[in-house]
Amino acid sequence: MKLLLRPLASVCLLTISSLAWSGPNPAAGSVLVLGDSLSAGYGLHADEGWVALLARRLIMEGYGRAVVNASVSGETTTGGLSRVAHVLATHHPAVVIVELGANDALRGLPTQRLQDNLLALVAAAQGSGAQVLLVGAPLPSNYGEEYAQQVASAYRSAARRGRVPLVASLLAGLATDERSFQSDHLHPVAAAQGQMLENVWSTLRTLLGKPDRPTGVPDGR
């Protein structure tokens, strides 16, 4: 994956961005996304990625929650572990979406270590009092079916052991459609971001509970 494999020095050029709307309810707690380039919106405008669409969906669905996008292109589970404590202490999220592991798999990380790292990320978020949603991503077909199945099993095991819901693939419904991807054939285009959000939304909504106000009603500010 072109971007996902680039040196750490260039990765550090990306900063954590916060996407919020008028009048979020601090008492409700934020939704924090800890991911890689698929969530950082590589190749897209800041308002086009699925995380930005999530912020708008929360408004329309009546949830008074800010969205913090703590995703960094090129991030691995090891990198996520190195900064998760700081991110949690800074933002105090109520819900954490962990979308990491694709870069580990692309680099051939042993799947037992991938599972252990994912479970450690889940435990860190739960230890801060947040609910957690684990999100996976499929490997390119040239990595072989056997390894792909082992990676998928690592996600399932981490979710089961951590007792958290799992979205098996952020890219469900897109993987076989070349039009959904940028020229690198790895990062989805803007038009595909809505499907990525839909892949996450139904499971995330169960963690969010009831909206703060009726659907589609503005907050009056």
C-alpha atoms as a PDB file:
ATOM      1  CA  MET A   1       0.000   0.000   0.000  1.00  0.00           C
ATOM      2  CA  LYS A   2       1.843   3.100  -1.233  1.00  0.00           C
ATOM      3  CA  LEU A   3       0.931   5.498   1.529  1.00  0.00           C
ATOM      4  CA  LEU A   4       0.629   2.935   4.247  1.00  0.00           C
ATOM      5  CA  LEU A   5       4.225   1.804   3.799  1.00  0.00           C
ATOM      6  CA  ARG A   6       5.894   5.200   3.651  1.00  0.00           C
ATOM      7  CA  PRO A   7       8.526   6.188   6.262  1.00  0.00           C
ATOM      8  CA  LEU A   8       7.517   7.265   9.733  1.00  0.00           C
ATOM      9  CA  ALA A   9       9.021  10.725   9.224  1.00  0.00           C
ATOM     10  CA  SER A  10       6.403  11.542   6.606  1.00  0.00           C
ATOM     11  CA  VAL A  11       3.680   9.991   8.714  1.00  0.00           C
ATOM     12  CA  CYS A  12       4.461  12.455  11.485  1.00  0.00           C
ATOM     13  CA  LEU A  13       3.592  15.353   9.209  1.00  0.00           C
ATOM     14  CA  LEU A  14      -0.075  14.485   9.636  1.00  0.00           C
ATOM     15  CA  THR A  15      -1.750  15.971  12.680  1.00  0.00           C
ATOM     16  CA  ILE A  16      -4.735  14.884  14.686  1.00  0.00           C
ATOM     17  CA  SER A  17      -7.817  16.750  13.571  1.00  0.00           C
ATOM     18  CA  SER A  18     -11.016  17.398  15.497  1.00  0.00           C
ATOM     19  CA  LEU A  19     -14.342  17.493  13.713  1.00  0.00           C
ATOM     20  CA  ALA A  20     -17.094  19.078  15.780  1.00  0.00           C
ATOM     21  CA  TRP A  21     -20.319  20.941  15.177  1.00  0.00           C
ATOM     22  CA  SER A  22     -22.142  23.770  16.886  1.00  0.00           C
ATOM     23  CA  GLY A  23     -23.205  22.952  20.413  1.00  0.00           C
ATOM     24  CA  PRO A  24     -21.923  19.405  21.114  1.00  0.00           C
ATOM     25  CA  ASN A  25     -22.835  18.125  24.541  1.00  0.00           C
ATOM     26  CA  PRO A  26     -19.596  17.634  26.548  1.00  0.00           C
ATOM     27  CA  ALA A  27     -21.431  15.436  29.025  1.00  0.00           C
ATOM     28  CA  ALA A  28     -22.248  12.971  26.258  1.00  0.00           C
ATOM     29  CA  GLY A  29     -18.570  12.376  25.488  1.00  0.00           C
ATOM     30  CA  SER A  30     -16.881  12.356  22.112  1.00  0.00           C
ATOM     31  CA  VAL A  31     -16.474   9.629  19.518  1.00  0.00           C
ATOM     32  CA  LEU A  32     -12.771   9.091  18.850  1.00  0.00           C
ATOM     33  CA  VAL A  33     -11.469   7.314  15.759  1.00  0.00           C
ATOM     34  CA  LEU A  34      -8.028   5.745  16.099  1.00  0.00           C
ATOM     35  CA  GLY A  35      -7.113   4.590  12.625  1.00  0.00           C
ATOM     36  CA  ASP A  36      -4.752   4.653   9.656  1.00  0.00           C
ATOM     37  CA  SER A  37      -4.956   6.273   6.215  1.00  0.00           C
ATOM     38  CA  LEU A  38      -8.360   4.705   5.528  1.00  0.00           C
ATOM     39  CA  SER A  39      -9.763   6.848   8.332  1.00  0.00           C
ATOM     40  CA  ALA A  40      -7.338   9.768   7.971  1.00  0.00           C
ATOM     41  CA  GLY A  41      -8.798  10.419   4.501  1.00  0.00           C
ATOM     42  CA  TYR A  42      -5.700   9.952   2.373  1.00  0.00           C
ATOM     43  CA  GLY A  43      -6.077  11.680  -1.003  1.00  0.00           C
ATOM     44  CA  LEU A  44      -9.327  13.394   0.002  1.00  0.00           C
ATOM     45  CA  HIS A  45     -10.400  16.843   1.114  1.00  0.00           C
ATOM     46  CA  ALA A  46     -10.817  17.191   4.863  1.00  0.00           C
ATOM     47  CA  ASP A  47     -14.620  17.069   4.653  1.00  0.00           C
ATOM     48  CA  GLU A  48     -14.836  14.036   2.349  1.00  0.00           C
ATOM     49  CA  GLY A  49     -13.626  11.145   4.476  1.00  0.00           C
ATOM     50  CA  TRP A  50     -15.949   8.725   6.224  1.00  0.00           C
ATOM     51  CA  VAL A  51     -15.051  10.191   9.630  1.00  0.00           C
ATOM     52  CA  ALA A  52     -16.152  13.651   8.476  1.00  0.00           C
ATOM     53  CA  LEU A  53     -19.341  12.064   7.167  1.00  0.00           C
ATOM     54  CA  LEU A  54     -19.807  10.443  10.565  1.00  0.00           C
ATOM     55  CA  ALA A  55     -19.724  13.860  12.236  1.00  0.00           C
ATOM     56  CA  ARG A  56     -22.498  15.042   9.916  1.00  0.00           C
ATOM     57  CA  ARG A  57     -24.496  11.840  10.424  1.00  0.00           C
ATOM     58  CA  LEU A  58     -24.415  12.352  14.173  1.00  0.00           C
ATOM     59  CA  ILE A  59     -25.913  15.810  13.702  1.00  0.00           C
ATOM     60  CA  MET A  60     -28.706  14.490  11.507  1.00  0.00           C
ATOM     61  CA  GLU A  61     -29.419  11.604  13.870  1.00  0.00           C
ATOM     62  CA  GLY A  62     -29.639  13.927  16.868  1.00  0.00           C
ATOM     63  CA  TYR A  63     -26.480  12.945  18.731  1.00  0.00           C
ATOM     64  CA  GLY A  64     -24.751  15.821  20.483  1.00  0.00           C
ATOM     65  CA  ARG A  65     -21.306  14.270  20.282  1.00  0.00           C
ATOM     66  CA  ALA A  66     -18.094  15.706  18.900  1.00  0.00           C
ATOM     67  CA  VAL A  67     -15.985  13.488  16.642  1.00  0.00           C
ATOM     68  CA  VAL A  68     -12.218  13.444  17.089  1.00  0.00           C
ATOM     69  CA  ASN A  69     -10.231  11.924  14.248  1.00  0.00           C
ATOM     70  CA  ALA A  70      -6.977  10.670  15.767  1.00  0.00           C
ATOM     71  CA  SER A  71      -6.081   8.686  12.643  1.00  0.00           C
ATOM     72  CA  VAL A  72      -2.600   8.854  11.112  1.00  0.00           C
ATOM     73  CA  SER A  73      -1.649   7.544   7.688  1.00  0.00           C
ATOM     74  CA  GLY A  74       0.831   4.702   7.955  1.00  0.00           C
ATOM     75  CA  GLU A  75      -0.188   3.873  11.523  1.00  0.00           C
ATOM     76  CA  THR A  76       0.220   0.362  12.902  1.00  0.00           C
ATOM     77  CA  THR A  77      -1.160  -1.206  16.052  1.00  0.00           C
ATOM     78  CA  THR A  78       2.254  -0.722  17.662  1.00  0.00           C
ATOM     79  CA  GLY A  79       2.163   2.967  16.795  1.00  0.00           C
ATOM     80  CA  GLY A  80      -1.361   3.213  18.091  1.00  0.00           C
ATOM     81  CA  LEU A  81      -0.320   1.661  21.385  1.00  0.00           C
ATOM     82  CA  SER A  82       2.504   4.189  21.741  1.00  0.00           C
ATOM     83  CA  ARG A  83       0.083   7.129  21.716  1.00  0.00           C
ATOM     84  CA  VAL A  84      -3.263   5.764  22.842  1.00  0.00           C
ATOM     85  CA  ALA A  85      -2.809   6.781  26.497  1.00  0.00           C
ATOM     86  CA  HIS A  86      -2.125  10.397  25.523  1.00  0.00           C
ATOM     87  CA  VAL A  87      -5.037  10.521  23.085  1.00  0.00           C
ATOM     88  CA  LEU A  88      -7.449   9.090  25.638  1.00  0.00           C
ATOM     89  CA  ALA A  89      -6.261  11.442  28.378  1.00  0.00           C
ATOM     90  CA  THR A  90      -6.570  14.430  26.047  1.00  0.00           C
ATOM     91  CA  HIS A  91     -10.039  13.777  24.633  1.00  0.00           C
ATOM     92  CA  HIS A  92     -11.813  11.601  27.238  1.00  0.00           C
ATOM     93  CA  PRO A  93     -13.980   9.852  24.606  1.00  0.00           C
ATOM     94  CA  ALA A  94     -17.130   7.941  25.411  1.00  0.00           C
ATOM     95  CA  VAL A  95     -16.711   5.734  22.345  1.00  0.00           C
ATOM     96  CA  VAL A  96     -13.466   4.689  20.633  1.00  0.00           C
ATOM     97  CA  ILE A  97     -13.426   3.236  17.125  1.00  0.00           C
ATOM     98  CA  VAL A  98     -10.198   1.264  16.608  1.00  0.00           C
ATOM     99  CA  GLU A  99      -9.460   0.923  12.881  1.00  0.00           C
ATOM    100  CA  LEU A 100      -5.887  -0.349  12.911  1.00  0.00           C
ATOM    101  CA  GLY A 101      -4.081  -3.476  11.782  1.00  0.00           C
ATOM    102  CA  ALA A 102      -4.085  -3.197   7.988  1.00  0.00           C
ATOM    103  CA  ASN A 103      -0.516  -1.895   7.916  1.00  0.00           C
ATOM    104  CA  ASP A 104       0.625  -4.597  10.320  1.00  0.00           C
ATOM    105  CA  ALA A 105      -0.843  -7.219   8.017  1.00  0.00           C
ATOM    106  CA  LEU A 106       0.704  -5.640   4.914  1.00  0.00           C
ATOM    107  CA  ARG A 107       4.083  -5.883   6.624  1.00  0.00           C
ATOM    108  CA  GLY A 108       3.547  -9.524   7.504  1.00  0.00           C
ATOM    109  CA  LEU A 109       3.246  -9.089  11.266  1.00  0.00           C
ATOM    110  CA  PRO A 110       2.583 -12.434  12.950  1.00  0.00           C
ATOM    111  CA  THR A 111      -1.133 -12.599  13.500  1.00  0.00           C
ATOM    112  CA  GLN A 112      -0.783 -13.556  17.166  1.00  0.00           C
ATOM    113  CA  ARG A 113       1.045 -10.284  17.773  1.00  0.00           C
ATOM    114  CA  LEU A 114      -1.612  -8.418  15.778  1.00  0.00           C
ATOM    115  CA  GLN A 115      -4.294  -9.963  17.968  1.00  0.00           C
ATOM    116  CA  ASP A 116      -2.398  -9.099  21.150  1.00  0.00           C
ATOM    117  CA  ASN A 117      -1.895  -5.484  20.050  1.00  0.00           C
ATOM    118  CA  LEU A 118      -5.551  -5.070  19.129  1.00  0.00           C
ATOM    119  CA  LEU A 119      -6.596  -6.495  22.464  1.00  0.00           C
ATOM    120  CA  ALA A 120      -4.218  -4.100  24.261  1.00  0.00           C
ATOM    121  CA  LEU A 121      -5.752  -1.143  22.402  1.00  0.00           C
ATOM    122  CA  VAL A 122      -9.233  -2.315  23.343  1.00  0.00           C
ATOM    123  CA  ALA A 123      -8.184  -2.744  26.975  1.00  0.00           C
ATOM    124  CA  ALA A 124      -6.631   0.735  27.084  1.00  0.00           C
ATOM    125  CA  ALA A 125      -9.816   2.342  25.777  1.00  0.00           C
ATOM    126  CA  GLN A 126     -12.019   0.321  28.107  1.00  0.00           C
ATOM    127  CA  GLY A 127      -9.751   1.224  31.002  1.00  0.00           C
ATOM    128  CA  SER A 128     -10.476   4.889  30.331  1.00  0.00           C
ATOM    129  CA  GLY A 129     -14.189   4.191  30.605  1.00  0.00           C
ATOM    130  CA  ALA A 130     -14.922   4.226  26.854  1.00  0.00           C
ATOM    131  CA  GLN A 131     -16.944   1.768  24.842  1.00  0.00           C
ATOM    132  CA  VAL A 132     -15.025   0.271  21.918  1.00  0.00           C
ATOM    133  CA  LEU A 133     -15.822  -0.689  18.348  1.00  0.00           C
ATOM    134  CA  LEU A 134     -13.164  -2.707  16.500  1.00  0.00           C
ATOM    135  CA  VAL A 135     -12.994  -2.280  12.720  1.00  0.00           C
ATOM    136  CA  GLY A 136     -11.016  -4.442  10.301  1.00  0.00           C
ATOM    137  CA  ALA A 137      -9.930  -4.089   6.685  1.00  0.00           C
ATOM    138  CA  PRO A 138      -9.293  -6.747   4.026  1.00  0.00           C
ATOM    139  CA  LEU A 139      -5.861  -7.483   2.575  1.00  0.00           C
ATOM    140  CA  PRO A 140      -5.092  -7.174  -1.146  1.00  0.00           C
ATOM    141  CA  SER A 141      -5.664 -10.499  -2.904  1.00  0.00           C
ATOM    142  CA  ASN A 142      -1.949 -11.035  -3.594  1.00  0.00           C
ATOM    143  CA  TYR A 143      -1.300 -11.705   0.096  1.00  0.00           C
ATOM    144  CA  GLY A 144      -2.982 -15.074  -0.178  1.00  0.00           C
ATOM    145  CA  GLU A 145      -6.176 -16.500   1.232  1.00  0.00           C
ATOM    146  CA  GLU A 146      -4.514 -18.335   4.115  1.00  0.00           C
ATOM    147  CA  TYR A 147      -2.879 -15.241   5.616  1.00  0.00           C
ATOM    148  CA  ALA A 148      -6.005 -13.171   4.976  1.00  0.00           C
ATOM    149  CA  GLN A 149      -8.045 -15.693   6.952  1.00  0.00           C
ATOM    150  CA  GLN A 150      -5.498 -15.630   9.773  1.00  0.00           C
ATOM    151  CA  VAL A 151      -5.731 -11.829   9.928  1.00  0.00           C
ATOM    152  CA  ALA A 152      -9.527 -11.966   9.959  1.00  0.00           C
ATOM    153  CA  SER A 153      -9.353 -14.530  12.755  1.00  0.00           C
ATOM    154  CA  ALA A 154      -7.065 -12.220  14.769  1.00  0.00           C
ATOM    155  CA  TYR A 155      -9.704  -9.482  14.627  1.00  0.00           C
ATOM    156  CA  ARG A 156     -12.466 -11.885  15.633  1.00  0.00           C
ATOM    157  CA  SER A 157     -10.430 -13.258  18.522  1.00  0.00           C
ATOM    158  CA  ALA A 158      -9.503  -9.783  19.777  1.00  0.00           C
ATOM    159  CA  ALA A 159     -13.149  -8.712  19.639  1.00  0.00           C
ATOM    160  CA  ARG A 160     -14.321 -11.853  21.419  1.00  0.00           C
ATOM    161  CA  ARG A 161     -11.676 -11.680  24.144  1.00  0.00           C
ATOM    162  CA  GLY A 162     -12.219  -7.953  24.620  1.00  0.00           C
ATOM    163  CA  ARG A 163     -16.008  -8.400  24.519  1.00  0.00           C
ATOM    164  CA  VAL A 164     -16.459  -5.631  21.963  1.00  0.00           C
ATOM    165  CA  PRO A 165     -18.415  -5.488  18.691  1.00  0.00           C
ATOM    166  CA  LEU A 166     -16.533  -6.000  15.443  1.00  0.00           C
ATOM    167  CA  VAL A 167     -17.068  -4.562  11.968  1.00  0.00           C
ATOM    168  CA  ALA A 168     -15.234  -7.189   9.943  1.00  0.00           C
ATOM    169  CA  SER A 169     -14.321  -4.867   7.070  1.00  0.00           C
ATOM    170  CA  LEU A 170     -14.399  -1.119   6.644  1.00  0.00           C
ATOM    171  CA  LEU A 171     -14.273  -1.766   2.898  1.00  0.00           C
ATOM    172  CA  ALA A 172     -17.163  -4.200   2.652  1.00  0.00           C
ATOM    173  CA  GLY A 173     -18.982  -3.756  -0.643  1.00  0.00           C
ATOM    174  CA  LEU A 174     -16.026  -1.949  -2.231  1.00  0.00           C
ATOM    175  CA  ALA A 175     -13.162  -4.411  -2.509  1.00  0.00           C
ATOM    176  CA  THR A 176     -14.094  -5.761  -5.953  1.00  0.00           C
ATOM    177  CA  ASP A 177     -15.053  -2.419  -7.532  1.00  0.00           C
ATOM    178  CA  GLU A 178     -12.000  -0.686  -9.039  1.00  0.00           C
ATOM    179  CA  ARG A 179     -13.991   2.529  -9.524  1.00  0.00           C
ATOM    180  CA  SER A 180     -14.209   2.851  -5.758  1.00  0.00           C
ATOM    181  CA  PHE A 181     -10.461   3.289  -5.394  1.00  0.00           C
ATOM    182  CA  GLN A 182      -7.881   5.938  -6.146  1.00  0.00           C
ATOM    183  CA  SER A 183      -5.079   5.341  -8.641  1.00  0.00           C
ATOM    184  CA  ASP A 184      -3.081   3.394  -6.046  1.00  0.00           C
ATOM    185  CA  HIS A 185      -5.899   0.788  -6.020  1.00  0.00           C
ATOM    186  CA  LEU A 186      -5.792   0.810  -2.222  1.00  0.00           C
ATOM    187  CA  HIS A 187      -7.429   3.975  -0.892  1.00  0.00           C
ATOM    188  CA  PRO A 188     -11.131   4.594  -1.569  1.00  0.00           C
ATOM    189  CA  VAL A 189     -12.292   7.652  -3.502  1.00  0.00           C
ATOM    190  CA  ALA A 190     -14.620  10.283  -2.048  1.00  0.00           C
ATOM    191  CA  ALA A 191     -17.679   8.637  -3.597  1.00  0.00           C
ATOM    192  CA  ALA A 192     -16.954   5.428  -1.660  1.00  0.00           C
ATOM    193  CA  GLN A 193     -16.751   7.055   1.769  1.00  0.00           C
ATOM    194  CA  GLY A 194     -20.503   6.887   2.302  1.00  0.00           C
ATOM    195  CA  GLN A 195     -20.416   3.101   1.989  1.00  0.00           C
ATOM    196  CA  MET A 196     -17.553   2.966   4.477  1.00  0.00           C
ATOM    197  CA  LEU A 197     -19.644   4.957   6.936  1.00  0.00           C
ATOM    198  CA  GLU A 198     -22.625   2.658   6.402  1.00  0.00           C
ATOM    199  CA  ASN A 199     -20.394  -0.329   7.140  1.00  0.00           C
ATOM    200  CA  VAL A 200     -19.667   1.162  10.562  1.00  0.00           C
ATOM    201  CA  TRP A 201     -22.888   2.984  11.391  1.00  0.00           C
ATOM    202  CA  SER A 202     -25.315   0.222  12.274  1.00  0.00           C
ATOM    203  CA  THR A 203     -22.937  -1.290  14.828  1.00  0.00           C
ATOM    204  CA  LEU A 204     -21.768   2.067  16.163  1.00  0.00           C
ATOM    205  CA  ARG A 205     -25.337   3.203  16.694  1.00  0.00           C
ATOM    206  CA  THR A 206     -25.913   0.444  19.212  1.00  0.00           C
ATOM    207  CA  LEU A 207     -23.062   1.855  21.317  1.00  0.00           C
ATOM    208  CA  LEU A 208     -24.345   5.425  21.103  1.00  0.00           C
ATOM    209  CA  GLY A 209     -27.712   4.701  22.669  1.00  0.00           C
ATOM    210  CA  LYS A 210     -30.614   7.091  22.318  1.00  0.00           C
ATOM    211  CA  PRO A 211     -30.118  10.443  20.494  1.00  0.00           C
ATOM    212  CA  ASP A 212     -30.013  13.657  22.508  1.00  0.00           C
ATOM    213  CA  ARG A 213     -32.793  15.165  20.391  1.00  0.00           C
ATOM    214  CA  PRO A 214     -35.231  13.977  17.693  1.00  0.00           C
ATOM    215  CA  THR A 215     -33.709  13.001  14.358  1.00  0.00           C
ATOM    216  CA  GLY A 216     -33.024  15.906  12.017  1.00  0.00           C
ATOM    217  CA  VAL A 217     -33.899  18.611  14.569  1.00  0.00           C
ATOM    218  CA  PRO A 218     -31.193  21.295  14.821  1.00  0.00           C
ATOM    219  CA  ASP A 219     -29.778  22.215  18.216  1.00  0.00           C
ATOM    220  CA  GLY A 220     -30.999  25.827  17.892  1.00  0.00           C
ATOM    221  CA  ARG A 221     -27.599  27.435  18.010  1.00  0.00           C
END
